[in-house]
N, C-alpha and C. Protein backbone atom coordinates (compact mmCIF):
# COMPACT_ATOMS: atom_id res chain seq x y z
N MET A 1 0.84 -1.18 0.00
CA MET A 1 0.00 0.00 0.00
C MET A 1 0.88 1.24 0.00
N LYS A 2 0.60 2.15 -0.91
CA LYS A 2 1.31 3.42 -0.97
C LYS A 2 0.39 4.51 -0.43
N ASN A 3 0.89 5.26 0.53
CA ASN A 3 0.12 6.31 1.19
C ASN A 3 0.47 7.68 0.65
N ILE A 4 -0.56 8.44 0.28
CA ILE A 4 -0.40 9.78 -0.27
C ILE A 4 -0.85 10.81 0.76
N ALA A 5 -0.09 11.91 0.84
CA ALA A 5 -0.53 13.11 1.56
C ALA A 5 -0.78 14.18 0.52
N ILE A 6 -1.92 14.83 0.61
CA ILE A 6 -2.26 15.94 -0.28
C ILE A 6 -2.16 17.23 0.52
N PHE A 7 -1.41 18.20 -0.01
CA PHE A 7 -1.35 19.54 0.57
C PHE A 7 -2.23 20.44 -0.29
N ALA A 8 -3.12 21.19 0.34
CA ALA A 8 -4.01 22.11 -0.37
C ALA A 8 -4.28 23.33 0.50
N SER A 9 -4.46 24.47 -0.14
CA SER A 9 -4.71 25.72 0.59
C SER A 9 -6.12 26.26 0.41
N GLY A 10 -6.85 25.77 -0.58
CA GLY A 10 -8.10 26.42 -0.93
C GLY A 10 -9.31 25.51 -0.99
N ASN A 11 -10.06 25.67 -2.07
CA ASN A 11 -11.34 25.00 -2.23
C ASN A 11 -11.21 23.48 -2.28
N GLY A 12 -10.16 22.98 -2.90
CA GLY A 12 -9.90 21.54 -2.85
C GLY A 12 -10.57 20.71 -3.92
N THR A 13 -10.94 21.29 -5.04
CA THR A 13 -11.61 20.49 -6.07
C THR A 13 -10.67 19.45 -6.67
N ASN A 14 -9.40 19.80 -6.88
CA ASN A 14 -8.45 18.80 -7.37
C ASN A 14 -8.23 17.71 -6.33
N ALA A 15 -8.09 18.10 -5.08
CA ALA A 15 -7.92 17.13 -4.00
C ALA A 15 -9.12 16.17 -3.95
N GLU A 16 -10.33 16.72 -4.09
CA GLU A 16 -11.53 15.89 -4.07
C GLU A 16 -11.52 14.89 -5.22
N ARG A 17 -11.14 15.35 -6.39
CA ARG A 17 -11.07 14.47 -7.56
C ARG A 17 -10.07 13.33 -7.32
N ILE A 18 -8.93 13.66 -6.73
CA ILE A 18 -7.91 12.65 -6.43
C ILE A 18 -8.43 11.66 -5.38
N MET A 19 -9.06 12.17 -4.33
CA MET A 19 -9.61 11.29 -3.29
C MET A 19 -10.66 10.35 -3.89
N GLY A 20 -11.52 10.87 -4.75
CA GLY A 20 -12.52 10.03 -5.39
C GLY A 20 -11.91 8.99 -6.30
N PHE A 21 -10.90 9.37 -7.06
CA PHE A 21 -10.24 8.48 -8.01
C PHE A 21 -9.63 7.28 -7.28
N PHE A 22 -9.03 7.52 -6.11
CA PHE A 22 -8.35 6.44 -5.39
C PHE A 22 -9.18 5.83 -4.27
N SER A 23 -10.45 6.23 -4.13
CA SER A 23 -11.25 5.77 -2.99
C SER A 23 -11.44 4.25 -2.95
N ASP A 24 -11.45 3.59 -4.09
CA ASP A 24 -11.61 2.13 -4.12
C ASP A 24 -10.36 1.42 -4.60
N HIS A 25 -9.23 2.09 -4.57
CA HIS A 25 -8.00 1.51 -5.08
C HIS A 25 -7.36 0.61 -4.01
N ASP A 26 -6.91 -0.55 -4.41
CA ASP A 26 -6.34 -1.51 -3.45
C ASP A 26 -4.92 -1.17 -3.01
N ASP A 27 -4.15 -0.51 -3.88
CA ASP A 27 -2.73 -0.32 -3.60
C ASP A 27 -2.34 1.12 -3.30
N ILE A 28 -3.28 2.05 -3.45
CA ILE A 28 -2.98 3.47 -3.23
C ILE A 28 -4.04 4.05 -2.30
N ASN A 29 -3.57 4.73 -1.26
CA ASN A 29 -4.47 5.25 -0.24
C ASN A 29 -4.19 6.74 -0.01
N ILE A 30 -5.24 7.54 -0.02
CA ILE A 30 -5.09 8.94 0.39
C ILE A 30 -5.17 8.93 1.90
N GLN A 31 -4.03 9.04 2.53
CA GLN A 31 -3.91 8.90 3.97
C GLN A 31 -4.24 10.17 4.71
N LEU A 32 -3.96 11.32 4.07
CA LEU A 32 -3.95 12.56 4.83
C LEU A 32 -4.09 13.76 3.90
N VAL A 33 -4.81 14.79 4.37
CA VAL A 33 -4.82 16.09 3.72
C VAL A 33 -4.26 17.09 4.73
N LEU A 34 -3.35 17.90 4.25
CA LEU A 34 -2.76 18.94 5.10
C LEU A 34 -3.05 20.30 4.50
N THR A 35 -3.43 21.24 5.36
CA THR A 35 -3.73 22.59 4.88
C THR A 35 -3.23 23.65 5.86
N ASN A 36 -2.86 24.77 5.29
CA ASN A 36 -2.44 25.93 6.08
C ASN A 36 -3.60 26.90 6.31
N ASN A 37 -4.79 26.55 5.81
CA ASN A 37 -5.92 27.47 5.85
C ASN A 37 -7.07 26.83 6.62
N PRO A 38 -7.34 27.30 7.84
CA PRO A 38 -8.41 26.70 8.65
C PRO A 38 -9.80 26.88 8.05
N LYS A 39 -9.94 27.74 7.03
CA LYS A 39 -11.24 27.93 6.38
C LYS A 39 -11.28 27.30 4.99
N ALA A 40 -10.30 26.51 4.64
CA ALA A 40 -10.21 25.93 3.29
C ALA A 40 -11.36 24.96 3.02
N GLY A 41 -11.90 25.03 1.82
CA GLY A 41 -12.95 24.11 1.40
C GLY A 41 -12.49 22.67 1.36
N VAL A 42 -11.18 22.46 1.22
CA VAL A 42 -10.65 21.10 1.16
C VAL A 42 -10.93 20.32 2.44
N ILE A 43 -11.13 21.01 3.56
CA ILE A 43 -11.39 20.33 4.83
C ILE A 43 -12.69 19.53 4.75
N ALA A 44 -13.75 20.16 4.27
CA ALA A 44 -15.05 19.46 4.12
C ALA A 44 -14.95 18.36 3.07
N ARG A 45 -14.19 18.60 2.02
CA ARG A 45 -14.03 17.58 0.97
C ARG A 45 -13.31 16.35 1.51
N ALA A 46 -12.32 16.55 2.36
CA ALA A 46 -11.62 15.43 2.98
C ALA A 46 -12.56 14.65 3.90
N GLN A 47 -13.37 15.37 4.66
CA GLN A 47 -14.33 14.70 5.56
C GLN A 47 -15.29 13.81 4.79
N LYS A 48 -15.69 14.27 3.61
CA LYS A 48 -16.61 13.49 2.77
C LYS A 48 -16.03 12.11 2.43
N PHE A 49 -14.69 12.03 2.34
CA PHE A 49 -14.03 10.76 2.02
C PHE A 49 -13.41 10.11 3.25
N ASN A 50 -13.75 10.62 4.44
CA ASN A 50 -13.19 10.10 5.69
C ASN A 50 -11.67 10.13 5.70
N VAL A 51 -11.11 11.17 5.12
CA VAL A 51 -9.65 11.36 5.11
C VAL A 51 -9.31 12.37 6.20
N THR A 52 -8.35 12.02 7.04
CA THR A 52 -7.91 12.90 8.10
C THR A 52 -7.34 14.19 7.51
N CYS A 53 -7.71 15.31 8.10
CA CYS A 53 -7.20 16.60 7.65
C CYS A 53 -6.49 17.26 8.82
N ARG A 54 -5.27 17.71 8.56
CA ARG A 54 -4.48 18.38 9.60
C ARG A 54 -4.22 19.82 9.17
N ILE A 55 -4.46 20.75 10.07
CA ILE A 55 -4.25 22.17 9.81
C ILE A 55 -2.97 22.59 10.53
N PHE A 56 -2.15 23.41 9.87
CA PHE A 56 -0.90 23.84 10.47
C PHE A 56 -0.69 25.33 10.20
N THR A 57 0.17 25.91 10.99
CA THR A 57 0.49 27.34 10.86
C THR A 57 1.80 27.51 10.08
N ARG A 58 2.05 28.74 9.67
CA ARG A 58 3.32 29.06 8.99
C ARG A 58 4.50 28.73 9.90
N GLU A 59 4.38 29.07 11.17
CA GLU A 59 5.45 28.79 12.14
C GLU A 59 5.72 27.28 12.22
N GLU A 60 4.66 26.48 12.31
CA GLU A 60 4.83 25.03 12.38
C GLU A 60 5.43 24.47 11.09
N PHE A 61 5.06 25.06 9.97
CA PHE A 61 5.53 24.56 8.67
C PHE A 61 7.01 24.85 8.45
N TYR A 62 7.43 26.07 8.77
CA TYR A 62 8.79 26.48 8.45
C TYR A 62 9.78 26.41 9.61
N HIS A 63 9.29 26.40 10.85
CA HIS A 63 10.21 26.52 11.97
C HIS A 63 10.02 25.43 13.03
N SER A 64 9.51 24.29 12.63
CA SER A 64 9.41 23.15 13.54
C SER A 64 9.48 21.87 12.72
N ASP A 65 9.51 20.75 13.41
CA ASP A 65 9.52 19.47 12.70
C ASP A 65 8.12 18.83 12.69
N LYS A 66 7.10 19.64 12.94
CA LYS A 66 5.73 19.10 13.03
C LYS A 66 5.31 18.40 11.74
N ILE A 67 5.53 19.02 10.57
CA ILE A 67 5.10 18.41 9.30
C ILE A 67 5.90 17.14 9.02
N ASP A 68 7.22 17.19 9.24
CA ASP A 68 8.05 16.00 9.06
C ASP A 68 7.51 14.85 9.91
N LYS A 69 7.17 15.15 11.16
CA LYS A 69 6.67 14.12 12.08
C LYS A 69 5.31 13.58 11.62
N ILE A 70 4.41 14.47 11.19
CA ILE A 70 3.09 14.03 10.70
C ILE A 70 3.26 13.09 9.51
N LEU A 71 4.13 13.47 8.58
CA LEU A 71 4.33 12.65 7.38
C LEU A 71 4.93 11.29 7.76
N LYS A 72 5.89 11.29 8.66
CA LYS A 72 6.51 10.03 9.09
C LYS A 72 5.51 9.16 9.85
N ASP A 73 4.79 9.76 10.80
CA ASP A 73 3.83 9.00 11.61
C ASP A 73 2.71 8.39 10.77
N ASN A 74 2.42 8.97 9.62
CA ASN A 74 1.35 8.46 8.74
C ASN A 74 1.90 7.61 7.59
N ASN A 75 3.18 7.25 7.67
CA ASN A 75 3.81 6.37 6.67
C ASN A 75 3.58 6.87 5.25
N ILE A 76 3.77 8.17 5.05
CA ILE A 76 3.54 8.77 3.73
C ILE A 76 4.67 8.38 2.77
N ASP A 77 4.26 7.95 1.58
CA ASP A 77 5.21 7.57 0.53
C ASP A 77 5.35 8.64 -0.55
N PHE A 78 4.31 9.47 -0.70
CA PHE A 78 4.24 10.37 -1.86
C PHE A 78 3.42 11.58 -1.46
N ILE A 79 3.84 12.76 -1.93
CA ILE A 79 3.14 14.00 -1.60
C ILE A 79 2.64 14.66 -2.88
N VAL A 80 1.37 15.09 -2.85
CA VAL A 80 0.75 15.77 -3.97
C VAL A 80 0.34 17.16 -3.52
N LEU A 81 0.81 18.19 -4.24
CA LEU A 81 0.37 19.55 -3.98
C LEU A 81 -0.77 19.85 -4.94
N ALA A 82 -1.92 20.17 -4.38
CA ALA A 82 -3.12 20.43 -5.19
C ALA A 82 -3.68 21.79 -4.78
N GLY A 83 -3.07 22.84 -5.32
CA GLY A 83 -3.49 24.19 -4.94
C GLY A 83 -2.90 24.60 -3.62
N PHE A 84 -1.67 24.17 -3.36
CA PHE A 84 -0.97 24.58 -2.14
C PHE A 84 0.00 25.69 -2.51
N LEU A 85 -0.06 26.82 -1.80
CA LEU A 85 0.60 28.03 -2.25
C LEU A 85 1.93 28.36 -1.56
N TRP A 86 2.35 27.58 -0.58
CA TRP A 86 3.59 27.87 0.11
C TRP A 86 4.73 27.04 -0.48
N LEU A 87 5.92 27.58 -0.44
CA LEU A 87 7.12 26.88 -0.85
C LEU A 87 7.41 25.75 0.14
N ILE A 88 7.71 24.58 -0.36
CA ILE A 88 7.94 23.42 0.50
C ILE A 88 9.33 23.52 1.15
N PRO A 89 9.42 23.31 2.48
CA PRO A 89 10.71 23.38 3.17
C PRO A 89 11.69 22.32 2.63
N SER A 90 12.96 22.65 2.66
CA SER A 90 13.97 21.73 2.13
C SER A 90 14.00 20.41 2.90
N SER A 91 13.65 20.42 4.18
CA SER A 91 13.64 19.16 4.95
C SER A 91 12.63 18.18 4.38
N VAL A 92 11.48 18.67 3.95
CA VAL A 92 10.47 17.79 3.35
C VAL A 92 10.92 17.33 1.96
N ILE A 93 11.50 18.24 1.19
CA ILE A 93 11.98 17.87 -0.15
C ILE A 93 13.07 16.80 -0.04
N GLN A 94 13.97 16.95 0.92
CA GLN A 94 15.04 15.97 1.10
C GLN A 94 14.51 14.63 1.59
N ALA A 95 13.45 14.65 2.39
CA ALA A 95 12.87 13.40 2.90
C ALA A 95 12.08 12.65 1.83
N PHE A 96 11.65 13.35 0.77
CA PHE A 96 10.83 12.75 -0.29
C PHE A 96 11.42 13.07 -1.67
N PRO A 97 12.65 12.65 -1.93
CA PRO A 97 13.27 12.98 -3.22
C PRO A 97 12.52 12.34 -4.39
N GLY A 98 12.11 13.17 -5.35
CA GLY A 98 11.39 12.65 -6.51
C GLY A 98 10.01 12.10 -6.17
N ARG A 99 9.49 12.48 -4.99
CA ARG A 99 8.19 11.95 -4.57
C ARG A 99 7.25 13.06 -4.11
N ILE A 100 7.48 14.29 -4.62
CA ILE A 100 6.57 15.41 -4.38
C ILE A 100 6.27 16.02 -5.74
N ILE A 101 4.97 16.11 -6.05
CA ILE A 101 4.58 16.70 -7.33
C ILE A 101 3.56 17.82 -7.11
N ASN A 102 3.49 18.69 -8.11
CA ASN A 102 2.56 19.81 -8.08
C ASN A 102 1.87 19.91 -9.43
N ILE A 103 0.70 20.54 -9.43
CA ILE A 103 0.03 20.86 -10.69
C ILE A 103 -0.05 22.38 -10.79
N HIS A 104 0.24 22.87 -11.99
CA HIS A 104 0.23 24.32 -12.24
C HIS A 104 -0.71 24.61 -13.40
N PRO A 105 -1.53 25.68 -13.30
CA PRO A 105 -2.55 25.94 -14.33
C PRO A 105 -2.04 26.73 -15.54
N ALA A 106 -0.87 26.37 -16.03
CA ALA A 106 -0.30 26.99 -17.23
C ALA A 106 0.77 26.07 -17.77
N LEU A 107 1.28 26.42 -18.93
CA LEU A 107 2.33 25.62 -19.57
C LEU A 107 3.69 26.18 -19.14
N LEU A 108 4.21 25.61 -18.06
CA LEU A 108 5.53 26.03 -17.58
C LEU A 108 6.56 25.75 -18.67
N PRO A 109 7.60 26.56 -18.78
CA PRO A 109 8.07 27.52 -17.78
C PRO A 109 7.38 28.89 -17.82
N LYS A 110 6.46 29.11 -18.77
CA LYS A 110 5.73 30.37 -18.79
C LYS A 110 4.74 30.44 -17.62
N TYR A 111 4.55 31.64 -17.11
CA TYR A 111 3.52 31.94 -16.11
C TYR A 111 3.65 31.14 -14.82
N GLY A 112 4.90 30.92 -14.41
CA GLY A 112 5.16 30.25 -13.14
C GLY A 112 5.84 31.20 -12.18
N GLY A 113 6.08 30.72 -10.99
CA GLY A 113 6.79 31.48 -9.98
C GLY A 113 5.89 32.01 -8.88
N LYS A 114 6.51 32.64 -7.91
CA LYS A 114 5.77 33.17 -6.75
C LYS A 114 4.68 34.13 -7.21
N GLY A 115 3.48 33.94 -6.68
CA GLY A 115 2.35 34.80 -6.99
C GLY A 115 1.59 34.41 -8.24
N MET A 116 2.11 33.44 -8.99
CA MET A 116 1.42 33.00 -10.21
C MET A 116 0.59 31.76 -9.89
N PHE A 117 -0.66 32.01 -9.53
CA PHE A 117 -1.60 30.93 -9.23
C PHE A 117 -2.99 31.39 -9.62
N GLY A 118 -3.87 30.44 -9.87
CA GLY A 118 -5.27 30.72 -10.14
C GLY A 118 -5.49 31.81 -11.17
N HIS A 119 -6.34 32.78 -10.82
CA HIS A 119 -6.73 33.83 -11.76
C HIS A 119 -5.55 34.69 -12.21
N HIS A 120 -4.52 34.81 -11.36
CA HIS A 120 -3.35 35.60 -11.76
C HIS A 120 -2.73 35.02 -13.03
N VAL A 121 -2.68 33.69 -13.08
CA VAL A 121 -2.12 33.01 -14.25
C VAL A 121 -3.00 33.24 -15.46
N HIS A 122 -4.30 33.00 -15.32
CA HIS A 122 -5.22 33.13 -16.46
C HIS A 122 -5.28 34.56 -16.98
N GLU A 123 -5.26 35.53 -16.07
CA GLU A 123 -5.25 36.95 -16.48
C GLU A 123 -3.99 37.25 -17.31
N ALA A 124 -2.84 36.75 -16.88
CA ALA A 124 -1.58 36.99 -17.60
C ALA A 124 -1.59 36.32 -18.97
N VAL A 125 -2.10 35.11 -19.03
CA VAL A 125 -2.17 34.38 -20.31
C VAL A 125 -3.03 35.16 -21.31
N ILE A 126 -4.18 35.62 -20.86
CA ILE A 126 -5.10 36.38 -21.74
C ILE A 126 -4.48 37.73 -22.11
N ALA A 127 -3.89 38.42 -21.14
CA ALA A 127 -3.29 39.74 -21.41
C ALA A 127 -2.18 39.65 -22.44
N ASN A 128 -1.47 38.54 -22.46
CA ASN A 128 -0.37 38.35 -23.41
C ASN A 128 -0.82 37.73 -24.73
N LYS A 129 -2.14 37.60 -24.89
CA LYS A 129 -2.73 37.10 -26.14
C LYS A 129 -2.18 35.75 -26.58
N GLU A 130 -1.98 34.87 -25.59
CA GLU A 130 -1.56 33.51 -25.89
C GLU A 130 -2.69 32.80 -26.63
N THR A 131 -2.34 31.87 -27.49
CA THR A 131 -3.36 31.09 -28.20
C THR A 131 -3.56 29.73 -27.54
N GLN A 132 -2.64 29.34 -26.65
CA GLN A 132 -2.76 28.08 -25.92
C GLN A 132 -2.38 28.28 -24.47
N SER A 133 -3.04 27.53 -23.62
CA SER A 133 -2.65 27.41 -22.23
C SER A 133 -2.77 25.94 -21.88
N GLY A 134 -2.79 25.64 -20.61
CA GLY A 134 -2.91 24.24 -20.24
C GLY A 134 -2.49 24.01 -18.81
N ILE A 135 -2.05 22.77 -18.56
CA ILE A 135 -1.59 22.39 -17.23
C ILE A 135 -0.19 21.80 -17.33
N THR A 136 0.52 21.93 -16.24
CA THR A 136 1.82 21.29 -16.10
C THR A 136 1.84 20.56 -14.76
N ILE A 137 2.19 19.28 -14.81
CA ILE A 137 2.44 18.50 -13.59
C ILE A 137 3.95 18.36 -13.52
N HIS A 138 4.52 18.73 -12.37
CA HIS A 138 5.98 18.74 -12.27
C HIS A 138 6.43 18.32 -10.87
N TYR A 139 7.69 17.89 -10.81
CA TYR A 139 8.28 17.59 -9.51
C TYR A 139 8.53 18.90 -8.77
N VAL A 140 8.54 18.82 -7.46
CA VAL A 140 8.74 19.99 -6.61
C VAL A 140 10.19 20.04 -6.15
N ASN A 141 10.77 21.23 -6.25
CA ASN A 141 12.09 21.47 -5.69
C ASN A 141 12.02 22.71 -4.80
N GLU A 142 13.17 23.31 -4.51
CA GLU A 142 13.21 24.44 -3.58
C GLU A 142 12.73 25.76 -4.17
N HIS A 143 12.31 25.77 -5.44
CA HIS A 143 11.88 26.99 -6.10
C HIS A 143 10.47 26.81 -6.66
N TYR A 144 9.69 27.88 -6.66
CA TYR A 144 8.34 27.81 -7.20
C TYR A 144 8.36 27.41 -8.68
N ASP A 145 7.66 26.33 -9.01
CA ASP A 145 7.36 25.93 -10.39
C ASP A 145 8.59 25.67 -11.25
N GLU A 146 9.71 25.29 -10.64
CA GLU A 146 10.92 25.06 -11.42
C GLU A 146 11.34 23.59 -11.48
N GLY A 147 10.61 22.69 -10.83
CA GLY A 147 10.98 21.28 -10.86
C GLY A 147 10.76 20.69 -12.24
N ASN A 148 11.41 19.55 -12.49
CA ASN A 148 11.31 18.89 -13.79
C ASN A 148 9.86 18.58 -14.15
N ILE A 149 9.54 18.85 -15.41
CA ILE A 149 8.18 18.64 -15.91
C ILE A 149 7.94 17.15 -16.15
N ILE A 150 6.80 16.67 -15.68
CA ILE A 150 6.38 15.28 -15.85
C ILE A 150 5.40 15.16 -17.01
N PHE A 151 4.44 16.11 -17.07
CA PHE A 151 3.34 15.99 -18.02
C PHE A 151 2.75 17.37 -18.29
N GLN A 152 2.36 17.60 -19.54
CA GLN A 152 1.62 18.81 -19.89
C GLN A 152 0.45 18.43 -20.80
N ALA A 153 -0.64 19.18 -20.68
CA ALA A 153 -1.79 19.06 -21.58
C ALA A 153 -2.21 20.48 -21.93
N THR A 154 -2.69 20.66 -23.16
CA THR A 154 -3.00 22.00 -23.64
C THR A 154 -4.49 22.17 -23.93
N CYS A 155 -4.88 23.44 -23.97
CA CYS A 155 -6.21 23.81 -24.43
C CYS A 155 -6.09 25.15 -25.15
N GLU A 156 -7.07 25.44 -25.97
CA GLU A 156 -7.09 26.69 -26.72
C GLU A 156 -7.44 27.86 -25.80
N VAL A 157 -6.83 29.00 -26.05
CA VAL A 157 -7.26 30.25 -25.43
C VAL A 157 -8.04 30.98 -26.51
N LYS A 158 -9.33 31.18 -26.23
CA LYS A 158 -10.21 31.80 -27.23
C LYS A 158 -10.15 33.32 -27.13
N LYS A 159 -10.44 33.99 -28.24
CA LYS A 159 -10.36 35.46 -28.29
C LYS A 159 -11.28 36.13 -27.27
N ASP A 160 -12.42 35.49 -26.97
CA ASP A 160 -13.37 36.09 -26.03
C ASP A 160 -13.26 35.51 -24.62
N ASP A 161 -12.19 34.79 -24.33
CA ASP A 161 -12.02 34.20 -23.00
C ASP A 161 -11.90 35.26 -21.92
N THR A 162 -12.44 34.93 -20.77
CA THR A 162 -12.22 35.66 -19.53
C THR A 162 -11.39 34.72 -18.64
N PRO A 163 -10.83 35.22 -17.56
CA PRO A 163 -10.13 34.31 -16.66
C PRO A 163 -11.02 33.15 -16.20
N ASP A 164 -12.31 33.41 -16.00
CA ASP A 164 -13.22 32.35 -15.55
C ASP A 164 -13.46 31.29 -16.62
N THR A 165 -13.66 31.70 -17.87
CA THR A 165 -13.93 30.71 -18.92
C THR A 165 -12.67 29.89 -19.21
N LEU A 166 -11.51 30.54 -19.18
CA LEU A 166 -10.26 29.79 -19.36
C LEU A 166 -10.03 28.85 -18.19
N ALA A 167 -10.29 29.32 -16.98
CA ALA A 167 -10.13 28.48 -15.79
C ALA A 167 -10.99 27.23 -15.87
N ALA A 168 -12.20 27.35 -16.40
CA ALA A 168 -13.09 26.19 -16.52
C ALA A 168 -12.46 25.10 -17.40
N ARG A 169 -11.84 25.52 -18.52
CA ARG A 169 -11.20 24.53 -19.39
C ARG A 169 -9.94 23.95 -18.74
N ILE A 170 -9.22 24.78 -18.02
CA ILE A 170 -8.02 24.31 -17.31
C ILE A 170 -8.42 23.29 -16.24
N HIS A 171 -9.50 23.58 -15.50
CA HIS A 171 -9.97 22.63 -14.47
C HIS A 171 -10.31 21.27 -15.08
N LYS A 172 -10.93 21.27 -16.24
CA LYS A 172 -11.25 19.99 -16.89
C LYS A 172 -9.99 19.19 -17.17
N LEU A 173 -8.95 19.87 -17.64
CA LEU A 173 -7.67 19.19 -17.88
C LEU A 173 -7.09 18.64 -16.57
N GLU A 174 -7.16 19.45 -15.52
CA GLU A 174 -6.63 19.02 -14.22
C GLU A 174 -7.36 17.77 -13.73
N TYR A 175 -8.68 17.82 -13.75
CA TYR A 175 -9.47 16.70 -13.23
C TYR A 175 -9.26 15.43 -14.05
N THR A 176 -9.06 15.57 -15.34
CA THR A 176 -8.86 14.42 -16.21
C THR A 176 -7.48 13.81 -16.01
N HIS A 177 -6.45 14.62 -15.96
CA HIS A 177 -5.09 14.10 -16.04
C HIS A 177 -4.37 13.91 -14.71
N PHE A 178 -4.63 14.74 -13.72
CA PHE A 178 -3.84 14.69 -12.49
C PHE A 178 -3.92 13.32 -11.80
N PRO A 179 -5.10 12.76 -11.54
CA PRO A 179 -5.14 11.46 -10.88
C PRO A 179 -4.44 10.35 -11.69
N VAL A 180 -4.58 10.40 -13.00
CA VAL A 180 -3.97 9.37 -13.86
C VAL A 180 -2.44 9.44 -13.79
N VAL A 181 -1.91 10.65 -13.82
CA VAL A 181 -0.45 10.83 -13.73
C VAL A 181 0.04 10.37 -12.35
N ILE A 182 -0.68 10.70 -11.29
CA ILE A 182 -0.32 10.25 -9.94
C ILE A 182 -0.25 8.72 -9.90
N LYS A 183 -1.27 8.08 -10.43
CA LYS A 183 -1.33 6.61 -10.43
C LYS A 183 -0.13 6.02 -11.17
N LYS A 184 0.18 6.58 -12.32
CA LYS A 184 1.31 6.08 -13.12
C LYS A 184 2.63 6.24 -12.34
N LEU A 185 2.83 7.39 -11.72
CA LEU A 185 4.06 7.63 -10.96
C LEU A 185 4.17 6.67 -9.78
N LEU A 186 3.06 6.43 -9.10
CA LEU A 186 3.09 5.50 -7.96
C LEU A 186 3.34 4.07 -8.40
N GLU A 187 2.86 3.71 -9.54
CA GLU A 187 3.11 2.36 -10.06
C GLU A 187 4.58 2.16 -10.40
N GLU A 188 5.28 3.26 -10.69
CA GLU A 188 6.69 3.20 -11.04
C GLU A 188 7.62 3.27 -9.82
N LEU A 189 7.07 3.59 -8.65
CA LEU A 189 7.90 3.69 -7.42
C LEU A 189 8.39 2.32 -6.98
């Protein structure tokens, strides 16, 4: 059995899709959801799947061993960032080499880095008159959105797109591909 921890900061729709995808899987278990936001929608989504959710503070994340201990105590094998906005501490990256992945709502290396998330990304893509956008699933390192790319999928950016209409197409790509890529990576571990 391979145990996954999902880190999420917000609504948690990607996390919910992942939890649903693996809910009946024999070899892969969503063991834990971790969030830095006590009001995050992901908390209720985790409860729906009977997945334990742990809330932590910035101080606990960056200046204690609390997260390392939680991950160890829950026998975590793999970490998935699904809308988690903080940079991962080097202690966690070192403890999980090649076993932390993130999804980004654009075609990296464009539109990545600190502050480039959600609507900020879609607004920039539209403002720059891109004809394509998409998703990037990548390994996590010590820098925002700079880890090696695992998978990308594209969609058209239409002339009349708003950040919301583009986000809707990006979400469809995320929901379709993220769980499948996670499964493939875990099968290769």
